[in-house]
């Protein structure tokens, strides 16, 4: 009976699932809201910031594009400024990331948005140290953890961030779109969902439980996804994926005669590999889009996104339990055939 469920039982189910999600990451019940995706949670935090003209929002050169657009909107609306910490790529370095964030902080910095694992460049950040740098200067930190849950062992409490937004539909086998927003106990009161509805007068996270009539089957399926993961063991899945990505890097670097430029300390279960010399596509956004389309349409291979940077196209590869070494060999041959 969908009417009975949506009218009378959905809120209790929402809280039950939210608490199960929190439990997966050793967090207290009642500290986490279910959202559509990480960007949804991030924007809720941004909208809760009381910024004055001239205040600064700290991002990085690797901030996810949709998040950067949301930051731009909030900054323009509140007449705030955006400060960008420049992170090096290629040849990234953990200490350079920490130092870049430290240099970008000023007395007007009111909030920092840091990635746990960057999207386009696929880098595992030295996040705990970056957060500590911000907190030492009195700057609260919002973490974009879109790619982290399931890809790495995630201990949100140990990070000591102020807010953490993550996805469960990327690496945690939950149907799209299902994400979460966690907030430290002193950072919850001002948070409201981006769609205001009947529960707006409730405290966090209850005010996120009902944001209008929608299909709740994605987040309702989260416990089943957890059971699936537990059949294999989450740590076993992560270990498999990390070994596979390491071997895949070696295969493509050897086939394409290119260097592996990302240190192991910054590699989780996805990475960028530079395409070989002699590619027919220019190292531009248009060129990389043509490469993606060719691989998908002609070879049924999805590498999305690719990156055009410093005169070369970079191919992002990922490793999951349904992948095997033959997948990367097929990719390697398909790209070489273009030359």
Foldseek 3Di string as FASTA:
>chain_A
DVVCCVVPPQLVLQQVLQQVVCVLQPHDRQQKHKDQALLQQLLLLLVLDDAAAAAEEEEEPLPDPSNVVSVVVSCVVRNYYYFYQYADPQQGDQVSSLVSLLVRDDLRYAEYEEECAGDAARWHHPQLSNQVSQVVSPHAYEYRDAPPVLLDNHNPVSSVHAKYKYACVHRLVFPHGIIMIGGDPVSFASGAGPQFDDLCVPGPPSNNSDRDDDDPVRSSCNVVSVVVCPVCPSVNFQVVLLVQQVVLQVLLCVLQVFDDRHDSVTHTFKGKDWGHPPAPFWLDPVRQVVVQCCCCVVPVDHFPPWHRDDGTIITMDGGGPVDDSVNSVSVSVVRVVRD
